[in-house]
């Protein structure tokens, strides 16, 4: 049984392909491509003559048998139109089935629009959440932003240029003045990073309709400032728990976790209450 290689391809600039990726594409028996026309341009540029077969959203299940038949006698490479296969494009079902059948799956590192946009955005790169394409319907899109509003990680989305202004309007409505970055046409001639609030970016892209591949990044939620109880609130909570028969030790532990107070301080306050 051959190996299924997951081979990233450039997201724009053809120079952004690794030497290893070129070697694998030359050596495998078959290349399964999301769009054979797009992949053929890349292969012709590097003089690679490996046979191609289509593997896309509309035939991904029907093509499984043919791809596994090829794996019986050699290696197969999976590529997408651009970037890393399996990220917001067909590939998941094939990879999952290959693992289930005991086929070795070997991913290669390489180009990816989300990470390229993230490191150039100026937003926090320590923790982030990639959410793919948001829902097309406004109600569902806003509901998604509402669910993510308290996530303290940089949010990363892909979006069509035709829906970018609608998306920015919803970000503005739900997330207000949160910093937003629109990364457009990454690695290509007209690469652009535009930064601002959603309202500012909406005004720009309404006046200048966007074109090309787009990544939208939203700054994560700011850390919540803990609410520290006042002494009266701690005293009231202690009285309520002690009068209900709870031990001072347990009451102090519970109140400390809710009040922002140190447990020892709550315990000493409880002792004063008992003495009084």
C-alpha atoms as a PDB file:
ATOM      1  CA  UNK A   1       0.000   0.000   0.000  1.00  0.00           C
ATOM      2  CA  UNK A   2       1.328   3.421  -0.954  1.00  0.00           C
ATOM      3  CA  UNK A   3       1.497   6.627   1.029  1.00  0.00           C
ATOM      4  CA  UNK A   4      -1.075   9.433   0.813  1.00  0.00           C
ATOM      5  CA  UNK A   5       0.873  12.685   0.780  1.00  0.00           C
ATOM      6  CA  UNK A   6      -0.864  15.957   1.688  1.00  0.00           C
ATOM      7  CA  UNK A   7       1.000  18.547  -0.350  1.00  0.00           C
ATOM      8  CA  UNK A   8       0.497  22.308   0.175  1.00  0.00           C
ATOM      9  CA  UNK A   9       0.674  24.433  -2.965  1.00  0.00           C
ATOM     10  CA  UNK A  10       1.337  28.187  -3.286  1.00  0.00           C
ATOM     11  CA  UNK A  11      -1.491  30.557  -2.395  1.00  0.00           C
ATOM     12  CA  UNK A  12      -0.334  32.958  -5.078  1.00  0.00           C
ATOM     13  CA  UNK A  13       3.388  33.246  -5.658  1.00  0.00           C
ATOM     14  CA  UNK A  14       4.648  30.075  -7.362  1.00  0.00           C
ATOM     15  CA  UNK A  15       7.997  30.440  -5.600  1.00  0.00           C
ATOM     16  CA  UNK A  16       6.295  29.536  -2.310  1.00  0.00           C
ATOM     17  CA  UNK A  17       6.477  25.785  -2.880  1.00  0.00           C
ATOM     18  CA  UNK A  18       9.015  23.655  -1.067  1.00  0.00           C
ATOM     19  CA  UNK A  19      11.687  21.493  -2.678  1.00  0.00           C
ATOM     20  CA  UNK A  20      10.200  18.495  -0.908  1.00  0.00           C
ATOM     21  CA  UNK A  21       6.741  19.214  -2.326  1.00  0.00           C
ATOM     22  CA  UNK A  22       8.169  19.354  -5.857  1.00  0.00           C
ATOM     23  CA  UNK A  23       9.975  16.056  -5.348  1.00  0.00           C
ATOM     24  CA  UNK A  24       6.869  14.330  -4.017  1.00  0.00           C
ATOM     25  CA  UNK A  25       4.702  15.633  -6.869  1.00  0.00           C
ATOM     26  CA  UNK A  26       7.224  14.225  -9.351  1.00  0.00           C
ATOM     27  CA  UNK A  27       7.540  10.839  -7.659  1.00  0.00           C
ATOM     28  CA  UNK A  28       3.950   9.890  -6.793  1.00  0.00           C
ATOM     29  CA  UNK A  29       1.868   7.748  -9.107  1.00  0.00           C
ATOM     30  CA  UNK A  30      -1.145  10.083  -9.073  1.00  0.00           C
ATOM     31  CA  UNK A  31      -2.065  13.599  -7.977  1.00  0.00           C
ATOM     32  CA  UNK A  32      -5.638  14.145  -6.720  1.00  0.00           C
ATOM     33  CA  UNK A  33      -6.410  17.817  -7.312  1.00  0.00           C
ATOM     34  CA  UNK A  34      -9.349  20.019  -6.326  1.00  0.00           C
ATOM     35  CA  UNK A  35      -9.238  21.664  -9.759  1.00  0.00           C
ATOM     36  CA  UNK A  36      -7.051  19.959 -12.378  1.00  0.00           C
ATOM     37  CA  UNK A  37      -6.929  23.140 -14.465  1.00  0.00           C
ATOM     38  CA  UNK A  38      -5.422  25.158 -11.627  1.00  0.00           C
ATOM     39  CA  UNK A  39      -3.027  22.387 -10.624  1.00  0.00           C
ATOM     40  CA  UNK A  40      -1.936  21.831 -14.220  1.00  0.00           C
ATOM     41  CA  UNK A  41      -0.640  25.417 -14.377  1.00  0.00           C
ATOM     42  CA  UNK A  42       1.575  24.719 -11.356  1.00  0.00           C
ATOM     43  CA  UNK A  43       2.777  21.373 -12.693  1.00  0.00           C
ATOM     44  CA  UNK A  44       3.577  22.756 -16.125  1.00  0.00           C
ATOM     45  CA  UNK A  45       5.524  25.626 -14.560  1.00  0.00           C
ATOM     46  CA  UNK A  46       7.779  23.122 -12.784  1.00  0.00           C
ATOM     47  CA  UNK A  47       7.758  20.597 -15.659  1.00  0.00           C
ATOM     48  CA  UNK A  48       6.004  17.887 -13.659  1.00  0.00           C
ATOM     49  CA  UNK A  49       4.196  15.262 -15.761  1.00  0.00           C
ATOM     50  CA  UNK A  50       2.540  13.157 -13.041  1.00  0.00           C
ATOM     51  CA  UNK A  51      -1.048  12.146 -13.995  1.00  0.00           C
ATOM     52  CA  UNK A  52      -3.867  14.214 -12.466  1.00  0.00           C
ATOM     53  CA  UNK A  53      -7.341  13.246 -11.346  1.00  0.00           C
ATOM     54  CA  UNK A  54     -10.036  15.575 -10.027  1.00  0.00           C
ATOM     55  CA  UNK A  55     -11.079  15.397  -6.391  1.00  0.00           C
ATOM     56  CA  UNK A  56     -13.505  18.138  -5.410  1.00  0.00           C
ATOM     57  CA  UNK A  57     -16.629  18.851  -3.362  1.00  0.00           C
ATOM     58  CA  UNK A  58     -19.013  17.306  -5.889  1.00  0.00           C
ATOM     59  CA  UNK A  59     -17.173  14.028  -6.570  1.00  0.00           C
ATOM     60  CA  UNK A  60     -15.148  13.504  -3.396  1.00  0.00           C
ATOM     61  CA  UNK A  61     -17.080  10.402  -2.307  1.00  0.00           C
ATOM     62  CA  UNK A  62     -17.368   8.872  -5.763  1.00  0.00           C
ATOM     63  CA  UNK A  63     -13.608   9.214  -6.314  1.00  0.00           C
ATOM     64  CA  UNK A  64     -12.538   7.368  -3.177  1.00  0.00           C
ATOM     65  CA  UNK A  65     -12.413   3.930  -4.824  1.00  0.00           C
ATOM     66  CA  UNK A  66     -10.273   5.184  -7.728  1.00  0.00           C
ATOM     67  CA  UNK A  67      -7.813   6.880  -5.397  1.00  0.00           C
ATOM     68  CA  UNK A  68      -7.480   3.849  -3.151  1.00  0.00           C
ATOM     69  CA  UNK A  69      -7.014   1.657  -6.213  1.00  0.00           C
ATOM     70  CA  UNK A  70      -4.062   3.879  -7.143  1.00  0.00           C
ATOM     71  CA  UNK A  71      -2.714   3.595  -3.591  1.00  0.00           C
ATOM     72  CA  UNK A  72      -2.656  -0.185  -3.967  1.00  0.00           C
ATOM     73  CA  UNK A  73       0.270   0.133  -6.366  1.00  0.00           C
ATOM     74  CA  UNK A  74       1.938   3.432  -5.453  1.00  0.00           C
ATOM     75  CA  UNK A  75       1.883   6.765  -3.674  1.00  0.00           C
ATOM     76  CA  UNK A  76      -0.759   9.472  -4.190  1.00  0.00           C
ATOM     77  CA  UNK A  77      -0.526  13.216  -3.515  1.00  0.00           C
ATOM     78  CA  UNK A  78      -3.549  15.292  -2.507  1.00  0.00           C
ATOM     79  CA  UNK A  79      -3.445  18.988  -3.416  1.00  0.00           C
ATOM     80  CA  UNK A  80      -5.979  21.808  -3.234  1.00  0.00           C
ATOM     81  CA  UNK A  81      -6.335  24.833  -5.519  1.00  0.00           C
ATOM     82  CA  UNK A  82      -4.049  26.782  -3.207  1.00  0.00           C
ATOM     83  CA  UNK A  83      -2.635  26.303   0.258  1.00  0.00           C
ATOM     84  CA  UNK A  84      -2.807  23.282   2.514  1.00  0.00           C
ATOM     85  CA  UNK A  85      -5.238  20.508   1.514  1.00  0.00           C
ATOM     86  CA  UNK A  86      -7.971  19.701   3.999  1.00  0.00           C
ATOM     87  CA  UNK A  87      -8.305  23.287   5.275  1.00  0.00           C
ATOM     88  CA  UNK A  88     -11.650  24.720   4.086  1.00  0.00           C
ATOM     89  CA  UNK A  89     -11.611  22.500   0.998  1.00  0.00           C
ATOM     90  CA  UNK A  90     -12.225  18.826   0.151  1.00  0.00           C
ATOM     91  CA  UNK A  91      -9.854  16.337   1.710  1.00  0.00           C
ATOM     92  CA  UNK A  92     -11.208  15.498   5.142  1.00  0.00           C
ATOM     93  CA  UNK A  93     -13.187  12.453   3.961  1.00  0.00           C
ATOM     94  CA  UNK A  94     -10.261  11.059   1.987  1.00  0.00           C
ATOM     95  CA  UNK A  95      -7.810  11.565   4.855  1.00  0.00           C
ATOM     96  CA  UNK A  96     -10.187  10.022   7.372  1.00  0.00           C
ATOM     97  CA  UNK A  97     -10.884   7.010   5.129  1.00  0.00           C
ATOM     98  CA  UNK A  98      -7.178   6.515   4.451  1.00  0.00           C
ATOM     99  CA  UNK A  99      -6.466   6.402   8.187  1.00  0.00           C
ATOM    100  CA  UNK A 100      -9.352   3.963   8.680  1.00  0.00           C
ATOM    101  CA  UNK A 101      -7.908   1.679   5.986  1.00  0.00           C
ATOM    102  CA  UNK A 102      -4.453   1.726   7.502  1.00  0.00           C
ATOM    103  CA  UNK A 103      -2.897   3.903   4.796  1.00  0.00           C
ATOM    104  CA  UNK A 104       0.057   6.002   5.885  1.00  0.00           C
ATOM    105  CA  UNK A 105      -0.892   9.700   5.670  1.00  0.00           C
ATOM    106  CA  UNK A 106       2.083  12.052   5.427  1.00  0.00           C
ATOM    107  CA  UNK A 107       1.416  15.819   5.633  1.00  0.00           C
ATOM    108  CA  UNK A 108       3.980  18.241   4.229  1.00  0.00           C
ATOM    109  CA  UNK A 109       4.411  21.742   5.687  1.00  0.00           C
ATOM    110  CA  UNK A 110       3.798  24.672   3.401  1.00  0.00           C
ATOM    111  CA  UNK A 111       1.685  27.629   2.377  1.00  0.00           C
ATOM    112  CA  UNK A 112      -1.480  28.494   4.277  1.00  0.00           C
ATOM    113  CA  UNK A 113      -3.492  31.702   3.899  1.00  0.00           C
ATOM    114  CA  UNK A 114      -4.788  31.811   7.483  1.00  0.00           C
ATOM    115  CA  UNK A 115      -1.367  31.619   9.131  1.00  0.00           C
ATOM    116  CA  UNK A 116       0.228  33.931   6.576  1.00  0.00           C
ATOM    117  CA  UNK A 117      -2.456  36.523   7.309  1.00  0.00           C
ATOM    118  CA  UNK A 118      -2.140  36.034  11.071  1.00  0.00           C
ATOM    119  CA  UNK A 119       1.582  36.669  11.331  1.00  0.00           C
ATOM    120  CA  UNK A 120       1.276  39.793   9.177  1.00  0.00           C
ATOM    121  CA  UNK A 121      -1.817  41.149  10.883  1.00  0.00           C
ATOM    122  CA  UNK A 122      -0.258  42.625  14.000  1.00  0.00           C
ATOM    123  CA  UNK A 123      -2.875  40.879  16.143  1.00  0.00           C
ATOM    124  CA  UNK A 124      -2.096  38.397  18.897  1.00  0.00           C
ATOM    125  CA  UNK A 125      -0.440  35.268  17.482  1.00  0.00           C
ATOM    126  CA  UNK A 126      -0.071  33.337  20.752  1.00  0.00           C
ATOM    127  CA  UNK A 127      -3.604  31.979  20.713  1.00  0.00           C
ATOM    128  CA  UNK A 128      -6.039  32.039  17.801  1.00  0.00           C
ATOM    129  CA  UNK A 129      -9.147  30.323  16.484  1.00  0.00           C
ATOM    130  CA  UNK A 130      -9.561  29.500  12.800  1.00  0.00           C
ATOM    131  CA  UNK A 131     -13.277  29.392  11.953  1.00  0.00           C
ATOM    132  CA  UNK A 132     -13.198  28.894   8.174  1.00  0.00           C
ATOM    133  CA  UNK A 133     -15.955  30.537   6.132  1.00  0.00           C
ATOM    134  CA  UNK A 134     -18.732  32.154   8.207  1.00  0.00           C
ATOM    135  CA  UNK A 135     -22.375  31.327   7.413  1.00  0.00           C
ATOM    136  CA  UNK A 136     -23.792  33.084   4.368  1.00  0.00           C
ATOM    137  CA  UNK A 137     -27.099  34.012   5.988  1.00  0.00           C
ATOM    138  CA  UNK A 138     -26.944  37.232   8.073  1.00  0.00           C
ATOM    139  CA  UNK A 139     -28.866  35.844  11.055  1.00  0.00           C
ATOM    140  CA  UNK A 140     -26.634  32.788  11.363  1.00  0.00           C
ATOM    141  CA  UNK A 141     -23.510  34.867  10.823  1.00  0.00           C
ATOM    142  CA  UNK A 142     -24.433  37.285  13.617  1.00  0.00           C
ATOM    143  CA  UNK A 143     -25.271  34.393  15.918  1.00  0.00           C
ATOM    144  CA  UNK A 144     -21.809  32.968  15.270  1.00  0.00           C
ATOM    145  CA  UNK A 145     -20.150  36.288  16.132  1.00  0.00           C
ATOM    146  CA  UNK A 146     -22.237  36.494  19.301  1.00  0.00           C
ATOM    147  CA  UNK A 147     -21.058  33.022  20.351  1.00  0.00           C
ATOM    148  CA  UNK A 148     -17.444  34.026  19.710  1.00  0.00           C
ATOM    149  CA  UNK A 149     -17.690  37.483  21.293  1.00  0.00           C
ATOM    150  CA  UNK A 150     -16.100  36.390  24.576  1.00  0.00           C
ATOM    151  CA  UNK A 151     -13.339  34.234  23.081  1.00  0.00           C
ATOM    152  CA  UNK A 152      -9.985  35.809  24.093  1.00  0.00           C
ATOM    153  CA  UNK A 153      -8.227  34.569  20.935  1.00  0.00           C
ATOM    154  CA  UNK A 154      -7.634  36.160  17.558  1.00  0.00           C
ATOM    155  CA  UNK A 155     -10.454  35.002  15.252  1.00  0.00           C
ATOM    156  CA  UNK A 156      -9.574  34.046  11.672  1.00  0.00           C
ATOM    157  CA  UNK A 157     -12.081  33.657   8.830  1.00  0.00           C
ATOM    158  CA  UNK A 158     -12.021  33.173   5.082  1.00  0.00           C
ATOM    159  CA  UNK A 159     -14.570  35.166   3.104  1.00  0.00           C
ATOM    160  CA  UNK A 160     -15.675  35.788  -0.462  1.00  0.00           C
ATOM    161  CA  UNK A 161     -15.119  39.335  -1.773  1.00  0.00           C
ATOM    162  CA  UNK A 162     -18.818  39.410  -2.679  1.00  0.00           C
ATOM    163  CA  UNK A 163     -19.824  38.965   0.977  1.00  0.00           C
ATOM    164  CA  UNK A 164     -17.057  40.922   2.709  1.00  0.00           C
ATOM    165  CA  UNK A 165     -19.059  44.112   3.283  1.00  0.00           C
ATOM    166  CA  UNK A 166     -22.006  42.144   4.702  1.00  0.00           C
ATOM    167  CA  UNK A 167     -19.624  40.347   7.043  1.00  0.00           C
ATOM    168  CA  UNK A 168     -18.003  43.607   8.172  1.00  0.00           C
ATOM    169  CA  UNK A 169     -21.433  45.106   8.856  1.00  0.00           C
ATOM    170  CA  UNK A 170     -22.253  42.173  11.123  1.00  0.00           C
ATOM    171  CA  UNK A 171     -18.885  42.391  12.896  1.00  0.00           C
ATOM    172  CA  UNK A 172     -19.556  46.084  13.512  1.00  0.00           C
ATOM    173  CA  UNK A 173     -23.033  45.323  14.875  1.00  0.00           C
ATOM    174  CA  UNK A 174     -21.891  42.565  17.238  1.00  0.00           C
ATOM    175  CA  UNK A 175     -18.254  43.301  18.117  1.00  0.00           C
ATOM    176  CA  UNK A 176     -18.290  47.115  17.797  1.00  0.00           C
ATOM    177  CA  UNK A 177     -14.832  48.706  17.924  1.00  0.00           C
ATOM    178  CA  UNK A 178     -12.799  45.489  18.057  1.00  0.00           C
ATOM    179  CA  UNK A 179      -9.633  45.800  15.863  1.00  0.00           C
ATOM    180  CA  UNK A 180     -10.110  44.032  12.520  1.00  0.00           C
ATOM    181  CA  UNK A 181      -7.672  43.209   9.719  1.00  0.00           C
ATOM    182  CA  UNK A 182      -8.589  42.328   6.140  1.00  0.00           C
ATOM    183  CA  UNK A 183      -5.741  40.534   4.343  1.00  0.00           C
ATOM    184  CA  UNK A 184      -6.286  40.367   0.607  1.00  0.00           C
ATOM    185  CA  UNK A 185      -4.472  38.668  -2.283  1.00  0.00           C
ATOM    186  CA  UNK A 186      -1.700  37.319  -0.064  1.00  0.00           C
ATOM    187  CA  UNK A 187       1.665  36.711  -1.804  1.00  0.00           C
ATOM    188  CA  UNK A 188       0.258  38.144  -5.047  1.00  0.00           C
ATOM    189  CA  UNK A 189       1.086  41.419  -6.825  1.00  0.00           C
ATOM    190  CA  UNK A 190      -1.754  43.338  -5.160  1.00  0.00           C
ATOM    191  CA  UNK A 191      -1.275  41.963  -1.647  1.00  0.00           C
ATOM    192  CA  UNK A 192      -2.945  44.216   0.912  1.00  0.00           C
ATOM    193  CA  UNK A 193      -3.309  44.382   4.677  1.00  0.00           C
ATOM    194  CA  UNK A 194      -5.957  46.890   5.728  1.00  0.00           C
ATOM    195  CA  UNK A 195      -6.431  47.515   9.437  1.00  0.00           C
ATOM    196  CA  UNK A 196      -9.065  49.378  11.443  1.00  0.00           C
ATOM    197  CA  UNK A 197     -12.455  48.906  13.050  1.00  0.00           C
ATOM    198  CA  UNK A 198     -15.138  47.004  11.171  1.00  0.00           C
ATOM    199  CA  UNK A 199     -16.941  50.305  10.516  1.00  0.00           C
ATOM    200  CA  UNK A 200     -13.820  51.870   9.008  1.00  0.00           C
ATOM    201  CA  UNK A 201     -13.123  48.853   6.829  1.00  0.00           C
ATOM    202  CA  UNK A 202     -16.767  48.675   5.782  1.00  0.00           C
ATOM    203  CA  UNK A 203     -16.630  52.272   4.575  1.00  0.00           C
ATOM    204  CA  UNK A 204     -13.441  51.575   2.617  1.00  0.00           C
ATOM    205  CA  UNK A 205     -14.593  48.377   0.915  1.00  0.00           C
ATOM    206  CA  UNK A 206     -18.024  49.842   0.156  1.00  0.00           C
ATOM    207  CA  UNK A 207     -16.307  52.647  -1.740  1.00  0.00           C
ATOM    208  CA  UNK A 208     -13.675  50.300  -3.211  1.00  0.00           C
ATOM    209  CA  UNK A 209     -15.220  46.853  -3.821  1.00  0.00           C
ATOM    210  CA  UNK A 210     -12.712  44.127  -2.899  1.00  0.00           C
ATOM    211  CA  UNK A 211     -11.349  41.515  -5.253  1.00  0.00           C
ATOM    212  CA  UNK A 212      -9.387  38.298  -4.801  1.00  0.00           C
ATOM    213  CA  UNK A 213      -8.874  35.878  -1.937  1.00  0.00           C
ATOM    214  CA  UNK A 214      -9.653  37.348   1.492  1.00  0.00           C
ATOM    215  CA  UNK A 215      -8.813  36.540   5.099  1.00  0.00           C
ATOM    216  CA  UNK A 216     -10.567  38.453   7.898  1.00  0.00           C
ATOM    217  CA  UNK A 217      -8.996  38.594  11.347  1.00  0.00           C
ATOM    218  CA  UNK A 218     -10.664  39.956  14.489  1.00  0.00           C
ATOM    219  CA  UNK A 219      -8.896  40.796  17.718  1.00  0.00           C
ATOM    220  CA  UNK A 220      -9.839  38.532  20.612  1.00  0.00           C
ATOM    221  CA  UNK A 221     -12.021  39.648  23.486  1.00  0.00           C
ATOM    222  CA  UNK A 222     -10.145  41.747  26.055  1.00  0.00           C
ATOM    223  CA  UNK A 223      -9.512  39.997  29.383  1.00  0.00           C
ATOM    224  CA  UNK A 224     -12.383  40.470  31.757  1.00  0.00           C
ATOM    225  CA  UNK A 225     -11.631  42.581  34.836  1.00  0.00           C
ATOM    226  CA  UNK A 226     -12.484  40.468  37.876  1.00  0.00           C
ATOM    227  CA  UNK A 227     -15.170  41.898  40.116  1.00  0.00           C
ATOM    228  CA  UNK A 228     -13.952  42.102  43.702  1.00  0.00           C
ATOM    229  CA  UNK A 229     -16.653  41.955  46.349  1.00  0.00           C
ATOM    230  CA  UNK A 230     -16.874  44.605  49.013  1.00  0.00           C
ATOM    231  CA  UNK A 231     -16.554  43.688  52.684  1.00  0.00           C
ATOM    232  CA  UNK A 232     -20.309  43.977  53.267  1.00  0.00           C
ATOM    233  CA  UNK A 233     -21.017  41.476  50.467  1.00  0.00           C
ATOM    234  CA  UNK A 234     -18.504  39.003  51.922  1.00  0.00           C
ATOM    235  CA  UNK A 235     -20.027  39.399  55.392  1.00  0.00           C
ATOM    236  CA  UNK A 236     -23.541  38.821  54.064  1.00  0.00           C
ATOM    237  CA  UNK A 237     -22.456  35.695  52.177  1.00  0.00           C
ATOM    238  CA  UNK A 238     -20.675  34.352  55.239  1.00  0.00           C
ATOM    239  CA  UNK A 239     -23.696  34.928  57.482  1.00  0.00           C
ATOM    240  CA  UNK A 240     -25.994  33.180  55.006  1.00  0.00           C
ATOM    241  CA  UNK A 241     -23.768  30.109  54.715  1.00  0.00           C
ATOM    242  CA  UNK A 242     -22.954  29.872  58.425  1.00  0.00           C
ATOM    243  CA  UNK A 243     -26.604  30.230  59.421  1.00  0.00           C
ATOM    244  CA  UNK A 244     -27.402  27.409  56.990  1.00  0.00           C
ATOM    245  CA  UNK A 245     -25.046  25.165  58.956  1.00  0.00           C
ATOM    246  CA  UNK A 246     -22.044  25.237  56.612  1.00  0.00           C
ATOM    247  CA  UNK A 247     -18.622  25.073  58.266  1.00  0.00           C
ATOM    248  CA  UNK A 248     -16.514  28.224  58.215  1.00  0.00           C
ATOM    249  CA  UNK A 249     -13.780  26.378  56.314  1.00  0.00           C
ATOM    250  CA  UNK A 250     -16.120  25.335  53.499  1.00  0.00           C
ATOM    251  CA  UNK A 251     -17.857  28.711  53.435  1.00  0.00           C
ATOM    252  CA  UNK A 252     -14.535  30.556  53.175  1.00  0.00           C
ATOM    253  CA  UNK A 253     -13.393  28.324  50.312  1.00  0.00           C
ATOM    254  CA  UNK A 254     -16.622  28.807  48.344  1.00  0.00           C
ATOM    255  CA  UNK A 255     -16.825  32.564  48.878  1.00  0.00           C
ATOM    256  CA  UNK A 256     -13.141  33.065  48.010  1.00  0.00           C
ATOM    257  CA  UNK A 257     -13.721  31.436  44.608  1.00  0.00           C
ATOM    258  CA  UNK A 258     -16.634  33.789  43.887  1.00  0.00           C
ATOM    259  CA  UNK A 259     -15.542  37.048  45.495  1.00  0.00           C
ATOM    260  CA  UNK A 260     -11.965  37.521  44.356  1.00  0.00           C
ATOM    261  CA  UNK A 261     -10.862  37.547  48.000  1.00  0.00           C
ATOM    262  CA  UNK A 262      -8.040  35.420  49.386  1.00  0.00           C
ATOM    263  CA  UNK A 263      -9.440  32.407  51.243  1.00  0.00           C
ATOM    264  CA  UNK A 264      -7.457  33.209  54.385  1.00  0.00           C
ATOM    265  CA  UNK A 265      -8.907  36.734  54.424  1.00  0.00           C
ATOM    266  CA  UNK A 266     -12.441  35.367  54.094  1.00  0.00           C
ATOM    267  CA  UNK A 267     -11.769  32.867  56.912  1.00  0.00           C
ATOM    268  CA  UNK A 268     -10.467  35.597  59.233  1.00  0.00           C
ATOM    269  CA  UNK A 269     -13.510  37.735  58.405  1.00  0.00           C
ATOM    270  CA  UNK A 270     -15.682  34.766  59.335  1.00  0.00           C
ATOM    271  CA  UNK A 271     -13.911  34.418  62.671  1.00  0.00           C
ATOM    272  CA  UNK A 272     -14.622  38.071  63.428  1.00  0.00           C
ATOM    273  CA  UNK A 273     -18.284  37.511  62.606  1.00  0.00           C
ATOM    274  CA  UNK A 274     -18.440  34.546  64.953  1.00  0.00           C
ATOM    275  CA  UNK A 275     -16.829  36.527  67.773  1.00  0.00           C
ATOM    276  CA  UNK A 276     -19.249  39.395  67.290  1.00  0.00           C
END
